[in-house]
Amino acid sequence: MARWDPGTEERLTRAALELYTEHGYDNVTVTQIAERAGITRRSYFRYFPDKREVLFAGSERLPAVIREAVLDARPAASPMSAALEALAQVGATLVEHIGRTAERRAVIASSPELQERERTKLAAVTSAIHDALRQRGVGDDCAKLVAQIATIASQTAIDRWADSHGRKDFAACLHAVAASLRDVLTADDDTVRSE
């Protein structure tokens, strides 16, 4: 198969998810993924450096995209609004390109190695939001807190979107999470305890 075949990366991702689901992440080799996708093991490494990265393809570009979106948010937006607007915009584009989300989440949840890789990705996103907010003139403590909360809100929104099998709009999921967050932060102690 030609190495320039535009469908190869997608076939590799599909093959990896199928094999990880069938046999477990730790029990699958790069060779098995390549064979199922119809390419050689050597060709596999033209697309991904290891068997883990097939699940995280493109995630290295995410922090820079989110950082730019935060910087491009409305000048008058509060730090949290700027972060959430940026995440809604980027997330809406991202979910259009995420396939087989439920399978991917299950595979990641089954492996400490993959969970660590996911945490590394989220830390990079949090750092990008923090840096962009600092560039917008937000104080360090506030920028750090907003970045952490916004990242958690975004992950919760992705979970809601995935649980709906893509039938819900990502931005609507994020807005619902933000509303829940506001309710939690403004609730009195008795209300929080009773929930």
N, C-alpha and C. Protein backbone atom coordinates (compact mmCIF):
# COMPACT_ATOMS: atom_id res chain seq x y z
N MET A 1 0.84 -1.17 0.00
CA MET A 1 0.00 0.00 0.00
C MET A 1 0.89 1.24 0.00
N ALA A 2 0.53 2.24 -0.76
CA ALA A 2 1.33 3.45 -0.86
C ALA A 2 1.33 4.20 0.46
N ARG A 3 2.48 4.77 0.81
CA ARG A 3 2.56 5.45 2.09
C ARG A 3 1.80 6.76 2.10
N TRP A 4 1.43 7.28 0.95
CA TRP A 4 0.70 8.54 0.90
C TRP A 4 -0.80 8.33 0.94
N ASP A 5 -1.24 7.09 1.07
CA ASP A 5 -2.67 6.79 1.10
C ASP A 5 -3.35 7.60 2.20
N PRO A 6 -4.27 8.49 1.84
CA PRO A 6 -4.87 9.37 2.85
C PRO A 6 -5.72 8.64 3.87
N GLY A 7 -6.14 7.42 3.61
CA GLY A 7 -6.97 6.70 4.56
C GLY A 7 -6.20 5.84 5.53
N THR A 8 -4.89 5.81 5.43
CA THR A 8 -4.10 4.91 6.26
C THR A 8 -4.18 5.26 7.75
N GLU A 9 -4.08 6.52 8.08
CA GLU A 9 -4.12 6.90 9.49
C GLU A 9 -5.46 6.50 10.11
N GLU A 10 -6.53 6.72 9.40
CA GLU A 10 -7.86 6.33 9.89
C GLU A 10 -7.95 4.81 10.05
N ARG A 11 -7.43 4.07 9.09
CA ARG A 11 -7.45 2.60 9.19
C ARG A 11 -6.64 2.13 10.40
N LEU A 12 -5.50 2.77 10.65
CA LEU A 12 -4.69 2.41 11.81
C LEU A 12 -5.43 2.68 13.11
N THR A 13 -6.08 3.81 13.19
CA THR A 13 -6.84 4.15 14.40
C THR A 13 -7.97 3.15 14.62
N ARG A 14 -8.69 2.84 13.56
CA ARG A 14 -9.79 1.87 13.66
C ARG A 14 -9.27 0.49 14.05
N ALA A 15 -8.18 0.06 13.40
CA ALA A 15 -7.60 -1.24 13.71
C ALA A 15 -7.14 -1.30 15.17
N ALA A 16 -6.48 -0.25 15.63
CA ALA A 16 -6.01 -0.23 17.01
C ALA A 16 -7.18 -0.30 17.99
N LEU A 17 -8.20 0.49 17.77
CA LEU A 17 -9.35 0.46 18.68
C LEU A 17 -10.01 -0.91 18.69
N GLU A 18 -10.15 -1.50 17.53
CA GLU A 18 -10.76 -2.84 17.46
C GLU A 18 -9.92 -3.85 18.26
N LEU A 19 -8.62 -3.85 18.02
CA LEU A 19 -7.74 -4.80 18.71
C LEU A 19 -7.67 -4.52 20.20
N TYR A 20 -7.58 -3.26 20.60
CA TYR A 20 -7.53 -2.93 22.02
C TYR A 20 -8.83 -3.37 22.71
N THR A 21 -9.95 -3.18 22.03
CA THR A 21 -11.23 -3.58 22.60
C THR A 21 -11.34 -5.10 22.70
N GLU A 22 -10.87 -5.80 21.67
CA GLU A 22 -10.95 -7.26 21.65
C GLU A 22 -9.99 -7.93 22.62
N HIS A 23 -8.74 -7.43 22.71
CA HIS A 23 -7.69 -8.14 23.44
C HIS A 23 -7.11 -7.38 24.63
N GLY A 24 -7.44 -6.11 24.78
CA GLY A 24 -6.85 -5.30 25.83
C GLY A 24 -5.61 -4.60 25.31
N TYR A 25 -5.43 -3.37 25.73
CA TYR A 25 -4.32 -2.55 25.24
C TYR A 25 -2.97 -3.23 25.40
N ASP A 26 -2.70 -3.79 26.58
CA ASP A 26 -1.39 -4.38 26.85
C ASP A 26 -1.09 -5.62 26.01
N ASN A 27 -2.13 -6.25 25.48
CA ASN A 27 -1.95 -7.50 24.74
C ASN A 27 -1.86 -7.31 23.23
N VAL A 28 -1.79 -6.08 22.78
CA VAL A 28 -1.76 -5.79 21.34
C VAL A 28 -0.40 -5.21 20.97
N THR A 29 0.11 -5.61 19.82
CA THR A 29 1.40 -5.09 19.35
C THR A 29 1.20 -4.19 18.14
N VAL A 30 2.21 -3.39 17.87
CA VAL A 30 2.21 -2.54 16.68
C VAL A 30 2.06 -3.40 15.42
N THR A 31 2.72 -4.54 15.41
CA THR A 31 2.64 -5.43 14.24
C THR A 31 1.19 -5.86 13.99
N GLN A 32 0.47 -6.20 15.04
CA GLN A 32 -0.93 -6.61 14.88
C GLN A 32 -1.78 -5.46 14.33
N ILE A 33 -1.54 -4.27 14.84
CA ILE A 33 -2.30 -3.11 14.36
C ILE A 33 -2.01 -2.88 12.88
N ALA A 34 -0.74 -2.89 12.53
CA ALA A 34 -0.34 -2.67 11.14
C ALA A 34 -0.95 -3.71 10.22
N GLU A 35 -0.87 -4.98 10.63
CA GLU A 35 -1.42 -6.05 9.79
C GLU A 35 -2.93 -5.88 9.59
N ARG A 36 -3.64 -5.54 10.66
CA ARG A 36 -5.08 -5.37 10.52
C ARG A 36 -5.42 -4.19 9.61
N ALA A 37 -4.57 -3.18 9.62
CA ALA A 37 -4.80 -1.99 8.78
C ALA A 37 -4.30 -2.21 7.35
N GLY A 38 -3.61 -3.31 7.11
CA GLY A 38 -3.16 -3.62 5.77
C GLY A 38 -1.85 -2.96 5.36
N ILE A 39 -1.01 -2.66 6.35
CA ILE A 39 0.31 -2.08 6.04
C ILE A 39 1.38 -2.86 6.80
N THR A 40 2.62 -2.54 6.55
CA THR A 40 3.72 -3.20 7.27
C THR A 40 3.98 -2.50 8.60
N ARG A 41 4.66 -3.22 9.47
CA ARG A 41 5.04 -2.65 10.77
C ARG A 41 5.90 -1.40 10.55
N ARG A 42 6.81 -1.49 9.63
CA ARG A 42 7.69 -0.35 9.33
C ARG A 42 6.88 0.86 8.89
N SER A 43 5.86 0.63 8.06
CA SER A 43 5.02 1.74 7.60
C SER A 43 4.23 2.36 8.74
N TYR A 44 3.87 1.54 9.73
CA TYR A 44 3.13 2.06 10.89
C TYR A 44 3.87 3.25 11.49
N PHE A 45 5.18 3.12 11.62
CA PHE A 45 5.97 4.16 12.30
C PHE A 45 6.11 5.44 11.47
N ARG A 46 5.65 5.42 10.25
CA ARG A 46 5.58 6.67 9.48
C ARG A 46 4.41 7.53 9.97
N TYR A 47 3.47 6.89 10.63
CA TYR A 47 2.27 7.59 11.10
C TYR A 47 2.29 7.85 12.60
N PHE A 48 2.77 6.89 13.38
CA PHE A 48 2.75 7.01 14.83
C PHE A 48 4.05 6.47 15.42
N PRO A 49 4.56 7.11 16.48
CA PRO A 49 5.82 6.66 17.07
C PRO A 49 5.70 5.39 17.91
N ASP A 50 4.48 5.08 18.39
CA ASP A 50 4.28 3.88 19.20
C ASP A 50 2.80 3.52 19.19
N LYS A 51 2.44 2.47 19.89
CA LYS A 51 1.04 2.01 19.85
C LYS A 51 0.12 2.90 20.69
N ARG A 52 0.67 3.66 21.58
CA ARG A 52 -0.12 4.56 22.42
C ARG A 52 -0.62 5.76 21.63
N GLU A 53 0.26 6.33 20.82
CA GLU A 53 -0.06 7.59 20.14
C GLU A 53 -1.15 7.47 19.09
N VAL A 54 -1.47 6.26 18.67
CA VAL A 54 -2.56 6.10 17.71
C VAL A 54 -3.88 6.60 18.31
N LEU A 55 -3.98 6.58 19.62
CA LEU A 55 -5.18 7.07 20.30
C LEU A 55 -5.17 8.57 20.54
N PHE A 56 -4.01 9.20 20.36
CA PHE A 56 -3.87 10.62 20.67
C PHE A 56 -3.43 11.44 19.46
N ALA A 57 -3.68 10.93 18.29
CA ALA A 57 -3.24 11.60 17.05
C ALA A 57 -3.77 13.03 17.00
N GLY A 58 -2.89 13.96 16.76
CA GLY A 58 -3.27 15.36 16.63
C GLY A 58 -3.37 16.12 17.93
N SER A 59 -3.30 15.43 19.06
CA SER A 59 -3.48 16.12 20.34
C SER A 59 -2.34 17.09 20.65
N GLU A 60 -1.21 16.90 20.00
CA GLU A 60 -0.08 17.82 20.23
C GLU A 60 -0.38 19.22 19.70
N ARG A 61 -1.32 19.33 18.77
CA ARG A 61 -1.68 20.65 18.22
C ARG A 61 -2.74 21.36 19.07
N LEU A 62 -3.41 20.64 19.91
CA LEU A 62 -4.53 21.19 20.68
C LEU A 62 -4.17 22.37 21.58
N PRO A 63 -3.11 22.30 22.38
CA PRO A 63 -2.80 23.45 23.25
C PRO A 63 -2.61 24.76 22.49
N ALA A 64 -1.91 24.73 21.37
CA ALA A 64 -1.69 25.97 20.60
C ALA A 64 -2.99 26.52 20.05
N VAL A 65 -3.86 25.64 19.59
CA VAL A 65 -5.16 26.08 19.05
C VAL A 65 -6.01 26.70 20.15
N ILE A 66 -6.03 26.07 21.31
CA ILE A 66 -6.81 26.61 22.44
C ILE A 66 -6.21 27.93 22.91
N ARG A 67 -4.91 28.01 22.99
CA ARG A 67 -4.25 29.26 23.40
C ARG A 67 -4.67 30.41 22.48
N GLU A 68 -4.62 30.18 21.18
CA GLU A 68 -5.01 31.22 20.22
C GLU A 68 -6.48 31.59 20.37
N ALA A 69 -7.32 30.60 20.62
CA ALA A 69 -8.75 30.87 20.78
C ALA A 69 -9.02 31.72 22.03
N VAL A 70 -8.29 31.46 23.11
CA VAL A 70 -8.43 32.28 24.31
C VAL A 70 -7.98 33.71 24.02
N LEU A 71 -6.86 33.85 23.33
CA LEU A 71 -6.36 35.18 22.99
C LEU A 71 -7.33 35.93 22.08
N ASP A 72 -8.05 35.20 21.24
CA ASP A 72 -8.99 35.82 20.30
C ASP A 72 -10.38 36.06 20.90
N ALA A 73 -10.59 35.63 22.13
CA ALA A 73 -11.90 35.83 22.77
C ALA A 73 -12.19 37.33 22.89
N ARG A 74 -13.46 37.64 23.07
CA ARG A 74 -13.87 39.04 23.21
C ARG A 74 -12.99 39.76 24.23
N PRO A 75 -12.51 40.94 23.88
CA PRO A 75 -11.62 41.67 24.81
C PRO A 75 -12.27 41.92 26.18
N ALA A 76 -13.57 42.16 26.21
CA ALA A 76 -14.24 42.46 27.47
C ALA A 76 -14.64 41.21 28.25
N ALA A 77 -14.39 40.03 27.71
CA ALA A 77 -14.80 38.79 28.37
C ALA A 77 -14.03 38.60 29.68
N SER A 78 -14.73 38.10 30.68
CA SER A 78 -14.05 37.75 31.94
C SER A 78 -13.08 36.60 31.64
N PRO A 79 -12.14 36.36 32.54
CA PRO A 79 -11.22 35.24 32.30
C PRO A 79 -11.94 33.91 32.07
N MET A 80 -12.95 33.61 32.89
CA MET A 80 -13.68 32.35 32.72
C MET A 80 -14.46 32.34 31.41
N SER A 81 -15.09 33.43 31.08
CA SER A 81 -15.83 33.50 29.81
C SER A 81 -14.90 33.33 28.62
N ALA A 82 -13.73 33.96 28.68
CA ALA A 82 -12.77 33.84 27.58
C ALA A 82 -12.34 32.38 27.42
N ALA A 83 -12.05 31.72 28.53
CA ALA A 83 -11.63 30.32 28.48
C ALA A 83 -12.74 29.42 27.97
N LEU A 84 -13.95 29.62 28.48
CA LEU A 84 -15.07 28.76 28.07
C LEU A 84 -15.48 29.02 26.62
N GLU A 85 -15.45 30.28 26.19
CA GLU A 85 -15.75 30.58 24.79
C GLU A 85 -14.75 29.89 23.87
N ALA A 86 -13.48 29.96 24.25
CA ALA A 86 -12.44 29.32 23.45
C ALA A 86 -12.63 27.81 23.41
N LEU A 87 -12.91 27.21 24.56
CA LEU A 87 -13.10 25.76 24.62
C LEU A 87 -14.35 25.33 23.87
N ALA A 88 -15.40 26.15 23.90
CA ALA A 88 -16.61 25.82 23.14
C ALA A 88 -16.31 25.83 21.65
N GLN A 89 -15.57 26.82 21.21
CA GLN A 89 -15.23 26.94 19.79
C GLN A 89 -14.34 25.78 19.34
N VAL A 90 -13.27 25.54 20.07
CA VAL A 90 -12.34 24.48 19.69
C VAL A 90 -12.99 23.12 19.87
N GLY A 91 -13.72 22.95 20.94
CA GLY A 91 -14.39 21.67 21.21
C GLY A 91 -15.40 21.31 20.14
N ALA A 92 -16.14 22.29 19.65
CA ALA A 92 -17.13 22.02 18.60
C ALA A 92 -16.45 21.50 17.34
N THR A 93 -15.29 22.04 17.04
CA THR A 93 -14.53 21.56 15.87
C THR A 93 -13.92 20.20 16.17
N LEU A 94 -13.39 20.04 17.36
CA LEU A 94 -12.74 18.79 17.74
C LEU A 94 -13.69 17.60 17.70
N VAL A 95 -14.88 17.75 18.25
CA VAL A 95 -15.79 16.60 18.32
C VAL A 95 -16.26 16.14 16.94
N GLU A 96 -16.19 17.04 15.95
CA GLU A 96 -16.54 16.63 14.60
C GLU A 96 -15.53 15.63 14.05
N HIS A 97 -14.33 15.63 14.60
CA HIS A 97 -13.26 14.76 14.10
C HIS A 97 -12.98 13.57 15.00
N ILE A 98 -13.69 13.49 16.12
CA ILE A 98 -13.47 12.37 17.03
C ILE A 98 -14.41 11.24 16.64
N GLY A 99 -13.83 10.12 16.34
CA GLY A 99 -14.64 8.94 16.03
C GLY A 99 -14.51 7.91 17.13
N ARG A 100 -15.53 7.14 17.30
CA ARG A 100 -15.52 6.01 18.23
C ARG A 100 -15.09 6.44 19.63
N THR A 101 -15.69 7.52 20.10
CA THR A 101 -15.32 8.11 21.38
C THR A 101 -15.50 7.15 22.54
N ALA A 102 -16.62 6.42 22.56
CA ALA A 102 -16.88 5.51 23.68
C ALA A 102 -15.81 4.43 23.76
N GLU A 103 -15.44 3.87 22.62
CA GLU A 103 -14.40 2.84 22.61
C GLU A 103 -13.07 3.42 23.07
N ARG A 104 -12.74 4.59 22.57
CA ARG A 104 -11.47 5.24 22.93
C ARG A 104 -11.43 5.50 24.44
N ARG A 105 -12.51 6.01 24.99
CA ARG A 105 -12.56 6.29 26.44
C ARG A 105 -12.40 5.01 27.25
N ALA A 106 -13.05 3.92 26.80
CA ALA A 106 -12.96 2.65 27.52
C ALA A 106 -11.53 2.10 27.49
N VAL A 107 -10.88 2.19 26.34
CA VAL A 107 -9.50 1.71 26.24
C VAL A 107 -8.58 2.53 27.14
N ILE A 108 -8.73 3.84 27.13
CA ILE A 108 -7.89 4.70 27.98
C ILE A 108 -8.14 4.39 29.46
N ALA A 109 -9.39 4.20 29.82
CA ALA A 109 -9.73 3.89 31.22
C ALA A 109 -9.14 2.55 31.67
N SER A 110 -8.87 1.65 30.74
CA SER A 110 -8.37 0.32 31.09
C SER A 110 -6.86 0.27 31.31
N SER A 111 -6.16 1.36 31.02
CA SER A 111 -4.70 1.31 31.06
C SER A 111 -4.11 2.49 31.82
N PRO A 112 -3.37 2.23 32.89
CA PRO A 112 -2.71 3.32 33.61
C PRO A 112 -1.78 4.13 32.69
N GLU A 113 -1.11 3.46 31.77
CA GLU A 113 -0.22 4.16 30.84
C GLU A 113 -0.99 5.17 29.99
N LEU A 114 -2.15 4.76 29.51
CA LEU A 114 -2.96 5.65 28.67
C LEU A 114 -3.62 6.75 29.51
N GLN A 115 -3.98 6.42 30.73
CA GLN A 115 -4.54 7.44 31.61
C GLN A 115 -3.50 8.53 31.88
N GLU A 116 -2.26 8.12 32.07
CA GLU A 116 -1.18 9.09 32.29
C GLU A 116 -0.99 9.96 31.04
N ARG A 117 -1.08 9.36 29.87
CA ARG A 117 -0.93 10.12 28.62
C ARG A 117 -2.07 11.12 28.49
N GLU A 118 -3.27 10.72 28.87
CA GLU A 118 -4.43 11.62 28.83
C GLU A 118 -4.23 12.78 29.81
N ARG A 119 -3.72 12.49 31.00
CA ARG A 119 -3.46 13.55 31.97
C ARG A 119 -2.39 14.53 31.45
N THR A 120 -1.40 14.01 30.76
CA THR A 120 -0.37 14.87 30.18
C THR A 120 -0.98 15.80 29.14
N LYS A 121 -1.88 15.27 28.33
CA LYS A 121 -2.57 16.09 27.32
C LYS A 121 -3.38 17.19 28.01
N LEU A 122 -4.11 16.84 29.05
CA LEU A 122 -4.94 17.82 29.76
C LEU A 122 -4.09 18.87 30.47
N ALA A 123 -2.94 18.46 30.98
CA ALA A 123 -2.04 19.42 31.62
C ALA A 123 -1.53 20.44 30.60
N ALA A 124 -1.27 19.98 29.39
CA ALA A 124 -0.81 20.90 28.33
C ALA A 124 -1.92 21.88 27.96
N VAL A 125 -3.16 21.41 27.93
CA VAL A 125 -4.30 22.29 27.65
C VAL A 125 -4.45 23.32 28.76
N THR A 126 -4.37 22.88 30.00
CA THR A 126 -4.48 23.79 31.14
C THR A 126 -3.38 24.85 31.09
N SER A 127 -2.17 24.44 30.79
CA SER A 127 -1.06 25.37 30.69
C SER A 127 -1.27 26.38 29.57
N ALA A 128 -1.82 25.93 28.45
CA ALA A 128 -2.07 26.85 27.33
C ALA A 128 -3.12 27.89 27.70
N ILE A 129 -4.16 27.47 28.40
CA ILE A 129 -5.19 28.42 28.84
C ILE A 129 -4.58 29.42 29.82
N HIS A 130 -3.81 28.91 30.77
CA HIS A 130 -3.15 29.77 31.76
C HIS A 130 -2.27 30.80 31.08
N ASP A 131 -1.44 30.36 30.16
CA ASP A 131 -0.53 31.28 29.45
C ASP A 131 -1.30 32.35 28.67
N ALA A 132 -2.37 31.93 28.00
CA ALA A 132 -3.16 32.89 27.23
C ALA A 132 -3.83 33.91 28.13
N LEU A 133 -4.35 33.46 29.26
CA LEU A 133 -4.99 34.39 30.20
C LEU A 133 -3.97 35.37 30.77
N ARG A 134 -2.78 34.88 31.07
CA ARG A 134 -1.73 35.77 31.56
C ARG A 134 -1.41 36.82 30.49
N GLN A 135 -1.38 36.40 29.24
CA GLN A 135 -1.11 37.34 28.16
C GLN A 135 -2.24 38.35 28.02
N ARG A 136 -3.44 37.96 28.41
CA ARG A 136 -4.58 38.88 28.39
C ARG A 136 -4.56 39.82 29.59
N GLY A 137 -3.59 39.67 30.48
CA GLY A 137 -3.47 40.57 31.62
C GLY A 137 -4.07 40.04 32.91
N VAL A 138 -4.45 38.78 32.95
CA VAL A 138 -5.04 38.19 34.15
C VAL A 138 -3.92 37.82 35.11
N GLY A 139 -4.14 38.06 36.39
CA GLY A 139 -3.15 37.70 37.41
C GLY A 139 -2.89 36.20 37.44
N ASP A 140 -1.72 35.84 37.92
CA ASP A 140 -1.29 34.44 37.87
C ASP A 140 -2.21 33.50 38.63
N ASP A 141 -2.58 33.83 39.87
CA ASP A 141 -3.45 32.95 40.65
C ASP A 141 -4.80 32.75 39.98
N CYS A 142 -5.39 33.84 39.53
CA CYS A 142 -6.69 33.76 38.86
C CYS A 142 -6.57 32.95 37.56
N ALA A 143 -5.53 33.22 36.78
CA ALA A 143 -5.35 32.52 35.51
C ALA A 143 -5.18 31.02 35.73
N LYS A 144 -4.44 30.66 36.76
CA LYS A 144 -4.21 29.25 37.06
C LYS A 144 -5.51 28.56 37.47
N LEU A 145 -6.26 29.20 38.34
CA LEU A 145 -7.52 28.62 38.80
C LEU A 145 -8.53 28.50 37.66
N VAL A 146 -8.67 29.55 36.88
CA VAL A 146 -9.61 29.52 35.75
C VAL A 146 -9.20 28.43 34.76
N ALA A 147 -7.92 28.32 34.47
CA ALA A 147 -7.45 27.31 33.52
C ALA A 147 -7.78 25.90 34.00
N GLN A 148 -7.57 25.65 35.29
CA GLN A 148 -7.86 24.33 35.83
C GLN A 148 -9.36 24.03 35.79
N ILE A 149 -10.16 24.99 36.20
CA ILE A 149 -11.61 24.79 36.21
C ILE A 149 -12.15 24.64 34.79
N ALA A 150 -11.67 25.46 33.88
CA ALA A 150 -12.14 25.39 32.50
C ALA A 150 -11.78 24.06 31.85
N THR A 151 -10.61 23.54 32.15
CA THR A 151 -10.22 22.24 31.60
C THR A 151 -11.11 21.13 32.13
N ILE A 152 -11.38 21.16 33.41
CA ILE A 152 -12.29 20.17 34.00
C ILE A 152 -13.68 20.28 33.39
N ALA A 153 -14.17 21.51 33.24
CA ALA A 153 -15.48 21.73 32.63
C ALA A 153 -15.52 21.19 31.21
N SER A 154 -14.47 21.42 30.47
CA SER A 154 -14.40 20.94 29.10
C SER A 154 -14.42 19.42 29.05
N GLN A 155 -13.67 18.76 29.92
CA GLN A 155 -13.67 17.30 29.94
C GLN A 155 -15.03 16.75 30.32
N THR A 156 -15.69 17.39 31.26
CA THR A 156 -17.03 16.96 31.64
C THR A 156 -17.99 17.14 30.47
N ALA A 157 -17.84 18.23 29.73
CA ALA A 157 -18.69 18.46 28.55
C ALA A 157 -18.42 17.42 27.47
N ILE A 158 -17.17 17.05 27.28
CA ILE A 158 -16.86 16.00 26.30
C ILE A 158 -17.48 14.69 26.73
N ASP A 159 -17.43 14.39 28.03
CA ASP A 159 -18.08 13.17 28.52
C ASP A 159 -19.58 13.19 28.25
N ARG A 160 -20.23 14.32 28.52
CA ARG A 160 -21.67 14.44 28.25
C ARG A 160 -21.96 14.28 26.77
N TRP A 161 -21.14 14.93 25.95
CA TRP A 161 -21.33 14.83 24.51
C TRP A 161 -21.17 13.37 24.05
N ALA A 162 -20.13 12.71 24.55
CA ALA A 162 -19.88 11.32 24.17
C ALA A 162 -20.99 10.40 24.66
N ASP A 163 -21.48 10.64 25.88
CA ASP A 163 -22.57 9.83 26.42
C ASP A 163 -23.85 9.97 25.60
N SER A 164 -23.99 11.10 24.92
CA SER A 164 -25.17 11.31 24.06
C SER A 164 -24.94 10.74 22.66
N HIS A 165 -23.77 10.12 22.46
CA HIS A 165 -23.39 9.56 21.15
C HIS A 165 -23.41 10.63 20.07
N GLY A 166 -23.01 11.84 20.47
CA GLY A 166 -22.91 12.93 19.51
C GLY A 166 -24.22 13.58 19.13
N ARG A 167 -25.30 13.20 19.80
CA ARG A 167 -26.61 13.79 19.47
C ARG A 167 -26.78 15.19 20.06
N LYS A 168 -26.00 15.49 21.09
CA LYS A 168 -26.05 16.82 21.69
C LYS A 168 -24.96 17.68 21.08
N ASP A 169 -25.20 18.96 21.04
CA ASP A 169 -24.22 19.93 20.56
C ASP A 169 -23.16 20.11 21.65
N PHE A 170 -21.88 20.08 21.26
CA PHE A 170 -20.82 20.20 22.26
C PHE A 170 -20.91 21.51 23.02
N ALA A 171 -21.11 22.61 22.32
CA ALA A 171 -21.18 23.91 22.99
C ALA A 171 -22.31 23.92 24.02
N ALA A 172 -23.44 23.30 23.68
CA ALA A 172 -24.56 23.23 24.63
C ALA A 172 -24.16 22.40 25.86
N CYS A 173 -23.41 21.33 25.64
CA CYS A 173 -22.93 20.52 26.77
C CYS A 173 -22.01 21.35 27.67
N LEU A 174 -21.12 22.12 27.05
CA LEU A 174 -20.20 22.94 27.84
C LEU A 174 -20.95 24.03 28.59
N HIS A 175 -21.93 24.65 27.96
CA HIS A 175 -22.72 25.68 28.64
C HIS A 175 -23.49 25.09 29.82
N ALA A 176 -24.01 23.87 29.65
CA ALA A 176 -24.73 23.21 30.74
C ALA A 176 -23.78 22.91 31.91
N VAL A 177 -22.57 22.48 31.60
CA VAL A 177 -21.58 22.22 32.65
C VAL A 177 -21.23 23.54 33.35
N ALA A 178 -21.05 24.61 32.58
CA ALA A 178 -20.73 25.90 33.17
C ALA A 178 -21.85 26.38 34.09
N ALA A 179 -23.09 26.15 33.68
CA ALA A 179 -24.23 26.53 34.52
C ALA A 179 -24.23 25.72 35.81
N SER A 180 -23.95 24.43 35.72
CA SER A 180 -23.87 23.59 36.92
C SER A 180 -22.74 24.07 37.83
N LEU A 181 -21.64 24.44 37.23
CA LEU A 181 -20.50 24.94 38.00
C LEU A 181 -20.87 26.23 38.74
N ARG A 182 -21.56 27.13 38.04
CA ARG A 182 -22.01 28.38 38.70
C ARG A 182 -22.94 28.06 39.86
N ASP A 183 -23.85 27.10 39.66
CA ASP A 183 -24.77 26.73 40.73
C ASP A 183 -24.02 26.19 41.94
N VAL A 184 -23.03 25.35 41.68
CA VAL A 184 -22.25 24.78 42.78
C VAL A 184 -21.47 25.87 43.52
N LEU A 185 -20.88 26.79 42.78
CA LEU A 185 -20.06 27.82 43.40
C LEU A 185 -20.88 28.87 44.14
N THR A 186 -22.13 29.05 43.77
CA THR A 186 -22.95 30.07 44.42
C THR A 186 -23.96 29.49 45.41
N ALA A 187 -24.01 28.16 45.50
CA ALA A 187 -24.97 27.53 46.42
C ALA A 187 -24.51 27.70 47.86
N ASP A 188 -25.49 27.78 48.77
CA ASP A 188 -25.11 27.83 50.17
C ASP A 188 -24.75 26.41 50.63
N ASP A 189 -24.13 26.31 51.78
CA ASP A 189 -23.64 25.02 52.26
C ASP A 189 -24.72 23.96 52.39
N ASP A 190 -25.93 24.35 52.83
CA ASP A 190 -27.01 23.38 53.00
C ASP A 190 -27.45 22.79 51.67
N THR A 191 -27.49 23.61 50.62
CA THR A 191 -27.89 23.11 49.31
C THR A 191 -26.88 22.12 48.77
N VAL A 192 -25.60 22.42 48.92
CA VAL A 192 -24.54 21.54 48.43
C VAL A 192 -24.59 20.21 49.15
N ARG A 193 -24.79 20.23 50.47
CA ARG A 193 -24.82 18.98 51.24
C ARG A 193 -25.99 18.11 50.87
N SER A 194 -27.12 18.68 50.47
CA SER A 194 -28.32 17.89 50.20
C SER A 194 -28.31 17.25 48.81
N GLU A 195 -27.40 17.65 47.94
CA GLU A 195 -27.38 17.11 46.59
C GLU A 195 -26.66 15.80 46.51
